[in-house]
């Protein structure tokens, strides 16, 4: 049996840009992606705290501090909005013992404030 678990979470990222006429995606600071165990083109969910919208897209590596809504996603948020970025993984019961969730907390300037790894002891 597979269980869907939270793989990565970036808490309180601040949208720094919008690019409507782009192929689509979320451009995200490369260092933040690495610390959150996220890969380029990986699917993520975005939860916008300012307007309540939730949507799925994929990641592209960006420059320091960048959090840019691209393509249709640019219509789902504004510069300055606070968002949560998450990815999920389907994990077998055997894999759960060694599975870690990466939690990355950001400052107002999209700098890493804290990183936490959570184990799953079911």
PDB file of N, CA and C in Angstrom:
ATOM      1  N   UNK A   1       0.837  -1.177   0.000  1.00  0.00           N
ATOM      2  CA  UNK A   1       0.000   0.000   0.000  1.00  0.00           C
ATOM      3  C   UNK A   1       0.885   1.246   0.000  1.00  0.00           C
ATOM      4  N   UNK A   2       0.460   2.271  -0.744  1.00  0.00           N
ATOM      5  CA  UNK A   2       1.151   3.543  -0.775  1.00  0.00           C
ATOM      6  C   UNK A   2       0.380   4.567   0.064  1.00  0.00           C
ATOM      7  N   UNK A   3       1.138   5.444   0.695  1.00  0.00           N
ATOM      8  CA  UNK A   3       0.573   6.531   1.482  1.00  0.00           C
ATOM      9  C   UNK A   3       1.148   7.830   0.941  1.00  0.00           C
ATOM     10  N   UNK A   4       0.304   8.812   0.728  1.00  0.00           N
ATOM     11  CA  UNK A   4       0.761  10.106   0.228  1.00  0.00           C
ATOM     12  C   UNK A   4       1.181  10.971   1.411  1.00  0.00           C
ATOM     13  N   UNK A   5       2.467  11.336   1.444  1.00  0.00           N
ATOM     14  CA  UNK A   5       3.007  12.145   2.537  1.00  0.00           C
ATOM     15  C   UNK A   5       3.572  13.458   2.014  1.00  0.00           C
ATOM     16  N   UNK A   6       3.618  14.427   2.883  1.00  0.00           N
ATOM     17  CA  UNK A   6       4.266  15.692   2.571  1.00  0.00           C
ATOM     18  C   UNK A   6       5.764  15.444   2.436  1.00  0.00           C
ATOM     19  N   UNK A   7       6.322  15.765   1.280  1.00  0.00           N
ATOM     20  CA  UNK A   7       7.755  15.580   1.028  1.00  0.00           C
ATOM     21  C   UNK A   7       8.535  16.834   1.388  1.00  0.00           C
ATOM     22  N   UNK A   8       8.024  17.994   0.946  1.00  0.00           N
ATOM     23  CA  UNK A   8       8.723  19.259   1.140  1.00  0.00           C
ATOM     24  C   UNK A   8       7.713  20.379   1.348  1.00  0.00           C
ATOM     25  N   UNK A   9       8.111  21.339   2.197  1.00  0.00           N
ATOM     26  CA  UNK A   9       7.259  22.509   2.416  1.00  0.00           C
ATOM     27  C   UNK A   9       8.144  23.735   2.576  1.00  0.00           C
ATOM     28  N   UNK A  10       7.822  24.763   1.801  1.00  0.00           N
ATOM     29  CA  UNK A  10       8.474  26.059   1.953  1.00  0.00           C
ATOM     30  C   UNK A  10       7.407  26.987   2.503  1.00  0.00           C
ATOM     31  N   UNK A  11       7.654  27.487   3.711  1.00  0.00           N
ATOM     32  CA  UNK A  11       6.640  28.242   4.443  1.00  0.00           C
ATOM     33  C   UNK A  11       6.880  29.745   4.329  1.00  0.00           C
ATOM     34  N   UNK A  12       5.853  30.453   3.888  1.00  0.00           N
ATOM     35  CA  UNK A  12       5.803  31.900   3.812  1.00  0.00           C
ATOM     36  C   UNK A  12       6.813  32.511   2.841  1.00  0.00           C
ATOM     37  N   UNK A  13       6.852  31.965   1.624  1.00  0.00           N
ATOM     38  CA  UNK A  13       7.620  32.611   0.562  1.00  0.00           C
ATOM     39  C   UNK A  13       6.852  33.854   0.125  1.00  0.00           C
ATOM     40  N   UNK A  14       7.578  34.876  -0.286  1.00  0.00           N
ATOM     41  CA  UNK A  14       6.978  36.118  -0.757  1.00  0.00           C
ATOM     42  C   UNK A  14       7.138  36.195  -2.273  1.00  0.00           C
ATOM     43  N   UNK A  15       6.034  36.364  -2.983  1.00  0.00           N
ATOM     44  CA  UNK A  15       6.088  36.474  -4.444  1.00  0.00           C
ATOM     45  C   UNK A  15       6.849  37.746  -4.810  1.00  0.00           C
ATOM     46  N   UNK A  16       7.881  37.584  -5.655  1.00  0.00           N
ATOM     47  CA  UNK A  16       8.726  38.716  -6.050  1.00  0.00           C
ATOM     48  C   UNK A  16       8.490  39.175  -7.483  1.00  0.00           C
ATOM     49  N   UNK A  17       7.772  38.363  -8.272  1.00  0.00           N
ATOM     50  CA  UNK A  17       7.543  38.739  -9.654  1.00  0.00           C
ATOM     51  C   UNK A  17       6.446  37.930 -10.305  1.00  0.00           C
ATOM     52  N   UNK A  18       6.006  38.419 -11.471  1.00  0.00           N
ATOM     53  CA  UNK A  18       4.976  37.751 -12.259  1.00  0.00           C
ATOM     54  C   UNK A  18       5.387  37.870 -13.724  1.00  0.00           C
ATOM     55  N   UNK A  19       5.153  36.807 -14.492  1.00  0.00           N
ATOM     56  CA  UNK A  19       5.497  36.811 -15.906  1.00  0.00           C
ATOM     57  C   UNK A  19       4.406  36.040 -16.643  1.00  0.00           C
ATOM     58  N   UNK A  20       3.350  36.728 -17.044  1.00  0.00           N
ATOM     59  CA  UNK A  20       2.185  36.090 -17.645  1.00  0.00           C
ATOM     60  C   UNK A  20       2.514  35.356 -18.936  1.00  0.00           C
ATOM     61  N   UNK A  21       3.261  35.974 -19.821  1.00  0.00           N
ATOM     62  CA  UNK A  21       3.515  35.366 -21.128  1.00  0.00           C
ATOM     63  C   UNK A  21       4.780  34.526 -21.093  1.00  0.00           C
ATOM     64  N   UNK A  22       4.684  33.469 -20.308  1.00  0.00           N
ATOM     65  CA  UNK A  22       5.772  32.520 -20.117  1.00  0.00           C
ATOM     66  C   UNK A  22       5.163  31.141 -20.262  1.00  0.00           C
ATOM     67  N   UNK A  23       5.975  30.139 -20.442  1.00  0.00           N
ATOM     68  CA  UNK A  23       5.462  28.782 -20.653  1.00  0.00           C
ATOM     69  C   UNK A  23       4.675  28.251 -19.464  1.00  0.00           C
ATOM     70  N   UNK A  24       4.929  28.783 -18.302  1.00  0.00           N
ATOM     71  CA  UNK A  24       4.216  28.340 -17.112  1.00  0.00           C
ATOM     72  C   UNK A  24       5.143  27.681 -16.126  1.00  0.00           C
ATOM     73  N   UNK A  25       4.966  27.950 -14.862  1.00  0.00           N
ATOM     74  CA  UNK A  25       5.759  27.354 -13.790  1.00  0.00           C
ATOM     75  C   UNK A  25       5.911  28.336 -12.641  1.00  0.00           C
ATOM     76  N   UNK A  26       6.718  27.942 -11.672  1.00  0.00           N
ATOM     77  CA  UNK A  26       7.118  28.829 -10.579  1.00  0.00           C
ATOM     78  C   UNK A  26       8.638  28.871 -10.595  1.00  0.00           C
ATOM     79  N   UNK A  27       9.202  30.059 -10.776  1.00  0.00           N
ATOM     80  CA  UNK A  27      10.653  30.214 -10.680  1.00  0.00           C
ATOM     81  C   UNK A  27      10.977  30.434  -9.214  1.00  0.00           C
ATOM     82  N   UNK A  28      11.915  29.629  -8.704  1.00  0.00           N
ATOM     83  CA  UNK A  28      12.220  29.646  -7.269  1.00  0.00           C
ATOM     84  C   UNK A  28      13.727  29.625  -7.057  1.00  0.00           C
ATOM     85  N   UNK A  29      14.168  30.404  -6.098  1.00  0.00           N
ATOM     86  CA  UNK A  29      15.571  30.470  -5.686  1.00  0.00           C
ATOM     87  C   UNK A  29      16.164  29.058  -5.618  1.00  0.00           C
ATOM     88  N   UNK A  30      17.255  28.843  -6.353  1.00  0.00           N
ATOM     89  CA  UNK A  30      17.897  27.522  -6.451  1.00  0.00           C
ATOM     90  C   UNK A  30      18.312  26.984  -5.079  1.00  0.00           C
ATOM     91  N   UNK A  31      18.864  27.833  -4.217  1.00  0.00           N
ATOM     92  CA  UNK A  31      19.296  27.384  -2.888  1.00  0.00           C
ATOM     93  C   UNK A  31      18.106  26.918  -2.052  1.00  0.00           C
ATOM     94  N   UNK A  32      17.009  27.644  -2.117  1.00  0.00           N
ATOM     95  CA  UNK A  32      15.808  27.241  -1.371  1.00  0.00           C
ATOM     96  C   UNK A  32      15.331  25.886  -1.882  1.00  0.00           C
ATOM     97  N   UNK A  33      15.333  25.706  -3.204  1.00  0.00           N
ATOM     98  CA  UNK A  33      14.928  24.413  -3.770  1.00  0.00           C
ATOM     99  C   UNK A  33      15.805  23.287  -3.226  1.00  0.00           C
ATOM    100  N   UNK A  34      17.114  23.485  -3.236  1.00  0.00           N
ATOM    101  CA  UNK A  34      18.036  22.452  -2.758  1.00  0.00           C
ATOM    102  C   UNK A  34      17.801  22.123  -1.291  1.00  0.00           C
ATOM    103  N   UNK A  35      17.638  23.144  -0.464  1.00  0.00           N
ATOM    104  CA  UNK A  35      17.435  22.929   0.980  1.00  0.00           C
ATOM    105  C   UNK A  35      16.097  22.250   1.271  1.00  0.00           C
ATOM    106  N   UNK A  36      15.120  22.432   0.375  1.00  0.00           N
ATOM    107  CA  UNK A  36      13.801  21.822   0.549  1.00  0.00           C
ATOM    108  C   UNK A  36      13.704  20.464  -0.165  1.00  0.00           C
ATOM    109  N   UNK A  37      14.806  20.004  -0.744  1.00  0.00           N
ATOM    110  CA  UNK A  37      14.828  18.715  -1.444  1.00  0.00           C
ATOM    111  C   UNK A  37      13.868  18.714  -2.643  1.00  0.00           C
ATOM    112  N   UNK A  38      13.882  19.818  -3.389  1.00  0.00           N
ATOM    113  CA  UNK A  38      13.035  19.948  -4.579  1.00  0.00           C
ATOM    114  C   UNK A  38      13.909  20.016  -5.823  1.00  0.00           C
ATOM    115  N   UNK A  39      13.417  19.457  -6.913  1.00  0.00           N
ATOM    116  CA  UNK A  39      14.160  19.372  -8.171  1.00  0.00           C
ATOM    117  C   UNK A  39      13.513  20.248  -9.242  1.00  0.00           C
ATOM    118  N   UNK A  40      14.315  20.709 -10.219  1.00  0.00           N
ATOM    119  CA  UNK A  40      13.730  21.429 -11.355  1.00  0.00           C
ATOM    120  C   UNK A  40      12.686  20.558 -12.055  1.00  0.00           C
ATOM    121  N   UNK A  41      11.596  21.148 -12.446  1.00  0.00           N
ATOM    122  CA  UNK A  41      10.472  20.521 -13.136  1.00  0.00           C
ATOM    123  C   UNK A  41       9.632  19.611 -12.227  1.00  0.00           C
ATOM    124  N   UNK A  42       9.942  19.578 -10.933  1.00  0.00           N
ATOM    125  CA  UNK A  42       9.120  18.799 -10.000  1.00  0.00           C
ATOM    126  C   UNK A  42       7.772  19.499  -9.808  1.00  0.00           C
ATOM    127  N   UNK A  43       6.718  18.702  -9.733  1.00  0.00           N
ATOM    128  CA  UNK A  43       5.378  19.240  -9.500  1.00  0.00           C
ATOM    129  C   UNK A  43       5.260  19.718  -8.057  1.00  0.00           C
ATOM    130  N   UNK A  44       4.632  20.881  -7.899  1.00  0.00           N
ATOM    131  CA  UNK A  44       4.386  21.438  -6.567  1.00  0.00           C
ATOM    132  C   UNK A  44       2.986  22.038  -6.524  1.00  0.00           C
ATOM    133  N   UNK A  45       2.466  22.134  -5.312  1.00  0.00           N
ATOM    134  CA  UNK A  45       1.225  22.857  -5.059  1.00  0.00           C
ATOM    135  C   UNK A  45       1.595  24.191  -4.435  1.00  0.00           C
ATOM    136  N   UNK A  46       0.861  25.221  -4.826  1.00  0.00           N
ATOM    137  CA  UNK A  46       1.038  26.552  -4.268  1.00  0.00           C
ATOM    138  C   UNK A  46      -0.242  26.912  -3.529  1.00  0.00           C
ATOM    139  N   UNK A  47      -0.097  27.342  -2.283  1.00  0.00           N
ATOM    140  CA  UNK A  47      -1.224  27.796  -1.479  1.00  0.00           C
ATOM    141  C   UNK A  47      -1.006  29.279  -1.201  1.00  0.00           C
ATOM    142  N   UNK A  48      -1.859  30.125  -1.777  1.00  0.00           N
ATOM    143  CA  UNK A  48      -1.719  31.568  -1.639  1.00  0.00           C
ATOM    144  C   UNK A  48      -2.501  32.027  -0.408  1.00  0.00           C
ATOM    145  N   UNK A  49      -1.777  32.524   0.594  1.00  0.00           N
ATOM    146  CA  UNK A  49      -2.416  32.945   1.839  1.00  0.00           C
ATOM    147  C   UNK A  49      -3.194  34.241   1.681  1.00  0.00           C
ATOM    148  N   UNK A  50      -2.855  35.049   0.692  1.00  0.00           N
ATOM    149  CA  UNK A  50      -3.545  36.328   0.506  1.00  0.00           C
ATOM    150  C   UNK A  50      -4.923  36.185  -0.114  1.00  0.00           C
ATOM    151  N   UNK A  51      -5.078  35.235  -1.050  1.00  0.00           N
ATOM    152  CA  UNK A  51      -6.370  35.123  -1.735  1.00  0.00           C
ATOM    153  C   UNK A  51      -7.015  33.744  -1.615  1.00  0.00           C
ATOM    154  N   UNK A  52      -6.348  32.806  -0.953  1.00  0.00           N
ATOM    155  CA  UNK A  52      -6.923  31.481  -0.742  1.00  0.00           C
ATOM    156  C   UNK A  52      -6.829  30.541  -1.930  1.00  0.00           C
ATOM    157  N   UNK A  53      -6.242  30.984  -3.022  1.00  0.00           N
ATOM    158  CA  UNK A  53      -6.158  30.125  -4.210  1.00  0.00           C
ATOM    159  C   UNK A  53      -5.104  29.049  -4.016  1.00  0.00           C
ATOM    160  N   UNK A  54      -5.421  27.870  -4.581  1.00  0.00           N
ATOM    161  CA  UNK A  54      -4.511  26.721  -4.548  1.00  0.00           C
ATOM    162  C   UNK A  54      -4.365  26.225  -5.962  1.00  0.00           C
ATOM    163  N   UNK A  55      -3.123  25.950  -6.367  1.00  0.00           N
ATOM    164  CA  UNK A  55      -2.923  25.456  -7.725  1.00  0.00           C
ATOM    165  C   UNK A  55      -1.648  24.635  -7.800  1.00  0.00           C
ATOM    166  N   UNK A  56      -1.584  23.827  -8.843  1.00  0.00           N
ATOM    167  CA  UNK A  56      -0.425  22.973  -9.075  1.00  0.00           C
ATOM    168  C   UNK A  56       0.354  23.508 -10.262  1.00  0.00           C
ATOM    169  N   UNK A  57       1.672  23.457 -10.163  1.00  0.00           N
ATOM    170  CA  UNK A  57       2.556  23.844 -11.259  1.00  0.00           C
ATOM    171  C   UNK A  57       3.853  23.065 -11.101  1.00  0.00           C
ATOM    172  N   UNK A  58       4.922  23.535 -11.739  1.00  0.00           N
ATOM    173  CA  UNK A  58       6.220  22.870 -11.605  1.00  0.00           C
ATOM    174  C   UNK A  58       7.287  23.936 -11.379  1.00  0.00           C
ATOM    175  N   UNK A  59       8.468  23.496 -10.949  1.00  0.00           N
ATOM    176  CA  UNK A  59       9.525  24.419 -10.551  1.00  0.00           C
ATOM    177  C   UNK A  59      10.586  24.620 -11.624  1.00  0.00           C
ATOM    178  N   UNK A  60      11.093  25.847 -11.667  1.00  0.00           N
ATOM    179  CA  UNK A  60      12.292  26.188 -12.421  1.00  0.00           C
ATOM    180  C   UNK A  60      13.254  26.873 -11.462  1.00  0.00           C
ATOM    181  N   UNK A  61      14.555  26.616 -11.635  1.00  0.00           N
ATOM    182  CA  UNK A  61      15.544  27.245 -10.770  1.00  0.00           C
ATOM    183  C   UNK A  61      15.661  28.724 -11.073  1.00  0.00           C
ATOM    184  N   UNK A  62      15.732  29.516  -9.996  1.00  0.00           N
ATOM    185  CA  UNK A  62      15.863  30.958 -10.138  1.00  0.00           C
ATOM    186  C   UNK A  62      17.042  31.497  -9.364  1.00  0.00           C
ATOM    187  N   UNK A  63      17.168  32.800  -9.381  1.00  0.00           N
ATOM    188  CA  UNK A  63      18.241  33.497  -8.682  1.00  0.00           C
ATOM    189  C   UNK A  63      17.884  33.715  -7.216  1.00  0.00           C
ATOM    190  N   UNK A  64      18.862  34.169  -6.469  1.00  0.00           N
ATOM    191  CA  UNK A  64      18.710  34.400  -5.028  1.00  0.00           C
ATOM    192  C   UNK A  64      17.464  35.243  -4.741  1.00  0.00           C
ATOM    193  N   UNK A  65      16.597  34.718  -3.885  1.00  0.00           N
ATOM    194  CA  UNK A  65      15.415  35.429  -3.428  1.00  0.00           C
ATOM    195  C   UNK A  65      14.221  35.399  -4.369  1.00  0.00           C
ATOM    196  N   UNK A  66      14.382  34.837  -5.572  1.00  0.00           N
ATOM    197  CA  UNK A  66      13.294  34.849  -6.554  1.00  0.00           C
ATOM    198  C   UNK A  66      12.169  33.879  -6.223  1.00  0.00           C
ATOM    199  N   UNK A  67      10.947  34.368  -6.329  1.00  0.00           N
ATOM    200  CA  UNK A  67       9.723  33.571  -6.267  1.00  0.00           C
ATOM    201  C   UNK A  67       8.793  34.207  -7.298  1.00  0.00           C
ATOM    202  N   UNK A  68       8.783  33.659  -8.515  1.00  0.00           N
ATOM    203  CA  UNK A  68       8.096  34.297  -9.636  1.00  0.00           C
ATOM    204  C   UNK A  68       6.991  33.389 -10.168  1.00  0.00           C
ATOM    205  N   UNK A  69       5.776  33.917 -10.216  1.00  0.00           N
ATOM    206  CA  UNK A  69       4.638  33.211 -10.798  1.00  0.00           C
ATOM    207  C   UNK A  69       4.675  33.408 -12.306  1.00  0.00           C
ATOM    208  N   UNK A  70       4.718  32.313 -13.055  1.00  0.00           N
ATOM    209  CA  UNK A  70       4.819  32.370 -14.510  1.00  0.00           C
ATOM    210  C   UNK A  70       3.573  31.802 -15.173  1.00  0.00           C
ATOM    211  N   UNK A  71       3.328  32.223 -16.407  1.00  0.00           N
ATOM    212  CA  UNK A  71       2.210  31.703 -17.181  1.00  0.00           C
ATOM    213  C   UNK A  71       0.889  31.989 -16.494  1.00  0.00           C
ATOM    214  N   UNK A  72      -0.039  31.041 -16.610  1.00  0.00           N
ATOM    215  CA  UNK A  72      -1.373  31.221 -16.024  1.00  0.00           C
ATOM    216  C   UNK A  72      -1.306  31.465 -14.515  1.00  0.00           C
ATOM    217  N   UNK A  73      -0.296  30.915 -13.844  1.00  0.00           N
ATOM    218  CA  UNK A  73      -0.148  31.110 -12.397  1.00  0.00           C
ATOM    219  C   UNK A  73       0.021  32.588 -12.040  1.00  0.00           C
ATOM    220  N   UNK A  74       0.497  33.399 -12.987  1.00  0.00           N
ATOM    221  CA  UNK A  74       0.675  34.830 -12.726  1.00  0.00           C
ATOM    222  C   UNK A  74      -0.652  35.513 -12.430  1.00  0.00           C
ATOM    223  N   UNK A  75      -1.758  34.898 -12.838  1.00  0.00           N
ATOM    224  CA  UNK A  75      -3.084  35.464 -12.564  1.00  0.00           C
ATOM    225  C   UNK A  75      -3.619  35.040 -11.191  1.00  0.00           C
ATOM    226  N   UNK A  76      -2.872  34.183 -10.490  1.00  0.00           N
ATOM    227  CA  UNK A  76      -3.358  33.624  -9.226  1.00  0.00           C
ATOM    228  C   UNK A  76      -2.695  34.232  -7.996  1.00  0.00           C
ATOM    229  N   UNK A  77      -1.900  35.271  -8.223  1.00  0.00           N
ATOM    230  CA  UNK A  77      -1.249  35.928  -7.105  1.00  0.00           C
ATOM    231  C   UNK A  77      -0.678  37.264  -7.525  1.00  0.00           C
ATOM    232  N   UNK A  78      -0.269  38.041  -6.538  1.00  0.00           N
ATOM    233  CA  UNK A  78       0.303  39.364  -6.767  1.00  0.00           C
ATOM    234  C   UNK A  78       1.674  39.446  -6.110  1.00  0.00           C
ATOM    235  N   UNK A  79       2.495  40.350  -6.611  1.00  0.00           N
ATOM    236  CA  UNK A  79       3.789  40.590  -5.979  1.00  0.00           C
ATOM    237  C   UNK A  79       3.539  40.987  -4.528  1.00  0.00           C
ATOM    238  N   UNK A  80       4.263  40.367  -3.625  1.00  0.00           N
ATOM    239  CA  UNK A  80       4.094  40.616  -2.193  1.00  0.00           C
ATOM    240  C   UNK A  80       3.226  39.587  -1.493  1.00  0.00           C
ATOM    241  N   UNK A  81       2.467  38.790  -2.252  1.00  0.00           N
ATOM    242  CA  UNK A  81       1.645  37.740  -1.637  1.00  0.00           C
ATOM    243  C   UNK A  81       2.521  36.726  -0.913  1.00  0.00           C
ATOM    244  N   UNK A  82       1.997  36.206   0.170  1.00  0.00           N
ATOM    245  CA  UNK A  82       2.655  35.128   0.917  1.00  0.00           C
ATOM    246  C   UNK A  82       2.100  33.798   0.423  1.00  0.00           C
ATOM    247  N   UNK A  83       3.004  32.884   0.082  1.00  0.00           N
ATOM    248  CA  UNK A  83       2.577  31.576  -0.403  1.00  0.00           C
ATOM    249  C   UNK A  83       3.297  30.466   0.355  1.00  0.00           C
ATOM    250  N   UNK A  84       2.675  29.314   0.333  1.00  0.00           N
ATOM    251  CA  UNK A  84       3.275  28.082   0.830  1.00  0.00           C
ATOM    252  C   UNK A  84       3.450  27.186  -0.386  1.00  0.00           C
ATOM    253  N   UNK A  85       4.622  26.596  -0.514  1.00  0.00           N
ATOM    254  CA  UNK A  85       4.952  25.722  -1.637  1.00  0.00           C
ATOM    255  C   UNK A  85       5.166  24.325  -1.079  1.00  0.00           C
ATOM    256  N   UNK A  86       4.431  23.336  -1.597  1.00  0.00           N
ATOM    257  CA  UNK A  86       4.555  21.973  -1.077  1.00  0.00           C
ATOM    258  C   UNK A  86       4.673  20.962  -2.211  1.00  0.00           C
ATOM    259  N   UNK A  87       5.318  19.849  -1.890  1.00  0.00           N
ATOM    260  CA  UNK A  87       5.315  18.699  -2.790  1.00  0.00           C
ATOM    261  C   UNK A  87       4.986  17.473  -1.946  1.00  0.00           C
ATOM    262  N   UNK A  88       4.419  16.501  -2.603  1.00  0.00           N
ATOM    263  CA  UNK A  88       4.022  15.259  -1.938  1.00  0.00           C
ATOM    264  C   UNK A  88       4.719  14.082  -2.601  1.00  0.00           C
ATOM    265  N   UNK A  89       4.808  12.975  -1.883  1.00  0.00           N
ATOM    266  CA  UNK A  89       5.391  11.748  -2.425  1.00  0.00           C
ATOM    267  C   UNK A  89       4.531  10.568  -1.997  1.00  0.00           C
ATOM    268  N   UNK A  90       4.393   9.631  -2.920  1.00  0.00           N
ATOM    269  CA  UNK A  90       3.734   8.360  -2.591  1.00  0.00           C
ATOM    270  C   UNK A  90       4.798   7.432  -2.038  1.00  0.00           C
ATOM    271  N   UNK A  91       4.596   6.950  -0.815  1.00  0.00           N
ATOM    272  CA  UNK A  91       5.598   6.185  -0.086  1.00  0.00           C
ATOM    273  C   UNK A  91       4.996   4.854   0.352  1.00  0.00           C
ATOM    274  N   UNK A  92       5.784   3.797   0.227  1.00  0.00           N
ATOM    275  CA  UNK A  92       5.319   2.500   0.731  1.00  0.00           C
ATOM    276  C   UNK A  92       5.461   2.479   2.251  1.00  0.00           C
ATOM    277  N   UNK A  93       4.751   1.581   2.880  1.00  0.00           N
ATOM    278  CA  UNK A  93       4.843   1.469   4.345  1.00  0.00           C
ATOM    279  C   UNK A  93       6.265   1.157   4.790  1.00  0.00           C
ATOM    280  N   UNK A  94       7.004   0.406   3.975  1.00  0.00           N
ATOM    281  CA  UNK A  94       8.397   0.090   4.311  1.00  0.00           C
ATOM    282  C   UNK A  94       9.286   1.333   4.232  1.00  0.00           C
ATOM    283  N   UNK A  95       9.002   2.215   3.273  1.00  0.00           N
ATOM    284  CA  UNK A  95       9.809   3.423   3.092  1.00  0.00           C
ATOM    285  C   UNK A  95       9.559   4.468   4.172  1.00  0.00           C
ATOM    286  N   UNK A  96       8.408   4.409   4.819  1.00  0.00           N
ATOM    287  CA  UNK A  96       8.050   5.431   5.808  1.00  0.00           C
ATOM    288  C   UNK A  96       9.092   5.541   6.917  1.00  0.00           C
ATOM    289  N   UNK A  97       9.651   4.427   7.329  1.00  0.00           N
ATOM    290  CA  UNK A  97      10.610   4.438   8.446  1.00  0.00           C
ATOM    291  C   UNK A  97      11.789   5.376   8.190  1.00  0.00           C
ATOM    292  N   UNK A  98      12.217   5.468   6.933  1.00  0.00           N
ATOM    293  CA  UNK A  98      13.377   6.303   6.589  1.00  0.00           C
ATOM    294  C   UNK A  98      13.000   7.603   5.879  1.00  0.00           C
ATOM    295  N   UNK A  99      11.712   7.838   5.709  1.00  0.00           N
ATOM    296  CA  UNK A  99      11.254   9.001   4.957  1.00  0.00           C
ATOM    297  C   UNK A  99      11.359  10.260   5.814  1.00  0.00           C
ATOM    298  N   UNK A 100      11.847  11.343   5.215  1.00  0.00           N
ATOM    299  CA  UNK A 100      11.956  12.621   5.909  1.00  0.00           C
ATOM    300  C   UNK A 100      11.186  13.678   5.134  1.00  0.00           C
ATOM    301  N   UNK A 101      10.503  14.533   5.855  1.00  0.00           N
ATOM    302  CA  UNK A 101       9.857  15.703   5.276  1.00  0.00           C
ATOM    303  C   UNK A 101      10.760  16.903   5.539  1.00  0.00           C
ATOM    304  N   UNK A 102      11.026  17.662   4.492  1.00  0.00           N
ATOM    305  CA  UNK A 102      11.867  18.852   4.578  1.00  0.00           C
ATOM    306  C   UNK A 102      10.967  20.076   4.742  1.00  0.00           C
ATOM    307  N   UNK A 103      11.174  20.817   5.816  1.00  0.00           N
ATOM    308  CA  UNK A 103      10.410  22.028   6.106  1.00  0.00           C
ATOM    309  C   UNK A 103      11.373  23.211   6.098  1.00  0.00           C
ATOM    310  N   UNK A 104      11.126  24.169   5.209  1.00  0.00           N
ATOM    311  CA  UNK A 104      11.998  25.335   5.088  1.00  0.00           C
ATOM    312  C   UNK A 104      11.158  26.572   5.385  1.00  0.00           C
ATOM    313  N   UNK A 105      11.600  27.351   6.351  1.00  0.00           N
ATOM    314  CA  UNK A 105      10.905  28.559   6.770  1.00  0.00           C
ATOM    315  C   UNK A 105      11.690  29.766   6.276  1.00  0.00           C
ATOM    316  N   UNK A 106      10.988  30.723   5.661  1.00  0.00           N
ATOM    317  CA  UNK A 106      11.649  31.874   5.062  1.00  0.00           C
ATOM    318  C   UNK A 106      11.347  33.178   5.800  1.00  0.00           C
ATOM    319  N   UNK A 107      12.242  34.140   5.615  1.00  0.00           N
ATOM    320  CA  UNK A 107      12.036  35.497   6.127  1.00  0.00           C
ATOM    321  C   UNK A 107      11.219  36.286   5.103  1.00  0.00           C
ATOM    322  N   UNK A 108      10.920  37.529   5.420  1.00  0.00           N
ATOM    323  CA  UNK A 108      10.202  38.429   4.514  1.00  0.00           C
ATOM    324  C   UNK A 108      10.931  38.606   3.186  1.00  0.00           C
ATOM    325  N   UNK A 109      12.270  38.451   3.190  1.00  0.00           N
ATOM    326  CA  UNK A 109      13.086  38.656   1.985  1.00  0.00           C
ATOM    327  C   UNK A 109      13.436  37.338   1.301  1.00  0.00           C
ATOM    328  N   UNK A 110      12.699  36.294   1.605  1.00  0.00           N
ATOM    329  CA  UNK A 110      12.934  34.959   1.036  1.00  0.00           C
ATOM    330  C   UNK A 110      14.324  34.415   1.353  1.00  0.00           C
ATOM    331  N   UNK A 111      14.810  34.750   2.539  1.00  0.00           N
ATOM    332  CA  UNK A 111      16.040  34.156   3.038  1.00  0.00           C
ATOM    333  C   UNK A 111      15.654  33.012   3.962  1.00  0.00           C
ATOM    334  N   UNK A 112      16.486  31.986   4.000  1.00  0.00           N
ATOM    335  CA  UNK A 112      16.185  30.828   4.841  1.00  0.00           C
ATOM    336  C   UNK A 112      16.380  31.194   6.312  1.00  0.00           C
ATOM    337  N   UNK A 113      15.308  31.056   7.065  1.00  0.00           N
ATOM    338  CA  UNK A 113      15.325  31.350   8.500  1.00  0.00           C
ATOM    339  C   UNK A 113      15.604  30.079   9.298  1.00  0.00           C
ATOM    340  N   UNK A 114      14.972  28.965   8.875  1.00  0.00           N
ATOM    341  CA  UNK A 114      15.100  27.711   9.620  1.00  0.00           C
ATOM    342  C   UNK A 114      14.800  26.552   8.685  1.00  0.00           C
ATOM    343  N   UNK A 115      15.498  25.436   8.911  1.00  0.00           N
ATOM    344  CA  UNK A 115      15.241  24.190   8.190  1.00  0.00           C
ATOM    345  C   UNK A 115      14.987  23.106   9.219  1.00  0.00           C
ATOM    346  N   UNK A 116      13.954  22.341   8.991  1.00  0.00           N
ATOM    347  CA  UNK A 116      13.613  21.259   9.914  1.00  0.00           C
ATOM    348  C   UNK A 116      13.348  19.994   9.108  1.00  0.00           C
ATOM    349  N   UNK A 117      13.882  18.891   9.571  1.00  0.00           N
ATOM    350  CA  UNK A 117      13.580  17.590   8.984  1.00  0.00           C
ATOM    351  C   UNK A 117      12.676  16.844   9.936  1.00  0.00           C
ATOM    352  N   UNK A 118      11.575  16.346   9.419  1.00  0.00           N
ATOM    353  CA  UNK A 118      10.642  15.603  10.271  1.00  0.00           C
ATOM    354  C   UNK A 118      10.636  14.144   9.863  1.00  0.00           C
ATOM    355  N   UNK A 119      10.756  13.275  10.861  1.00  0.00           N
ATOM    356  CA  UNK A 119      10.660  11.832  10.644  1.00  0.00           C
ATOM    357  C   UNK A 119       9.227  11.401  10.847  1.00  0.00           C
ATOM    358  N   UNK A 120       8.894  10.245  10.326  1.00  0.00           N
ATOM    359  CA  UNK A 120       7.534   9.723  10.423  1.00  0.00           C
ATOM    360  C   UNK A 120       7.581   8.383  11.145  1.00  0.00           C
ATOM    361  N   UNK A 121       7.184   8.400  12.392  1.00  0.00           N
ATOM    362  CA  UNK A 121       7.178   7.196  13.206  1.00  0.00           C
ATOM    363  C   UNK A 121       5.758   6.720  13.406  1.00  0.00           C
ATOM    364  N   UNK A 122       5.269   5.956  12.455  1.00  0.00           N
ATOM    365  CA  UNK A 122       3.898   5.470  12.537  1.00  0.00           C
ATOM    366  C   UNK A 122       3.862   4.143  13.247  1.00  0.00           C
TER     367      UNK A 122
END
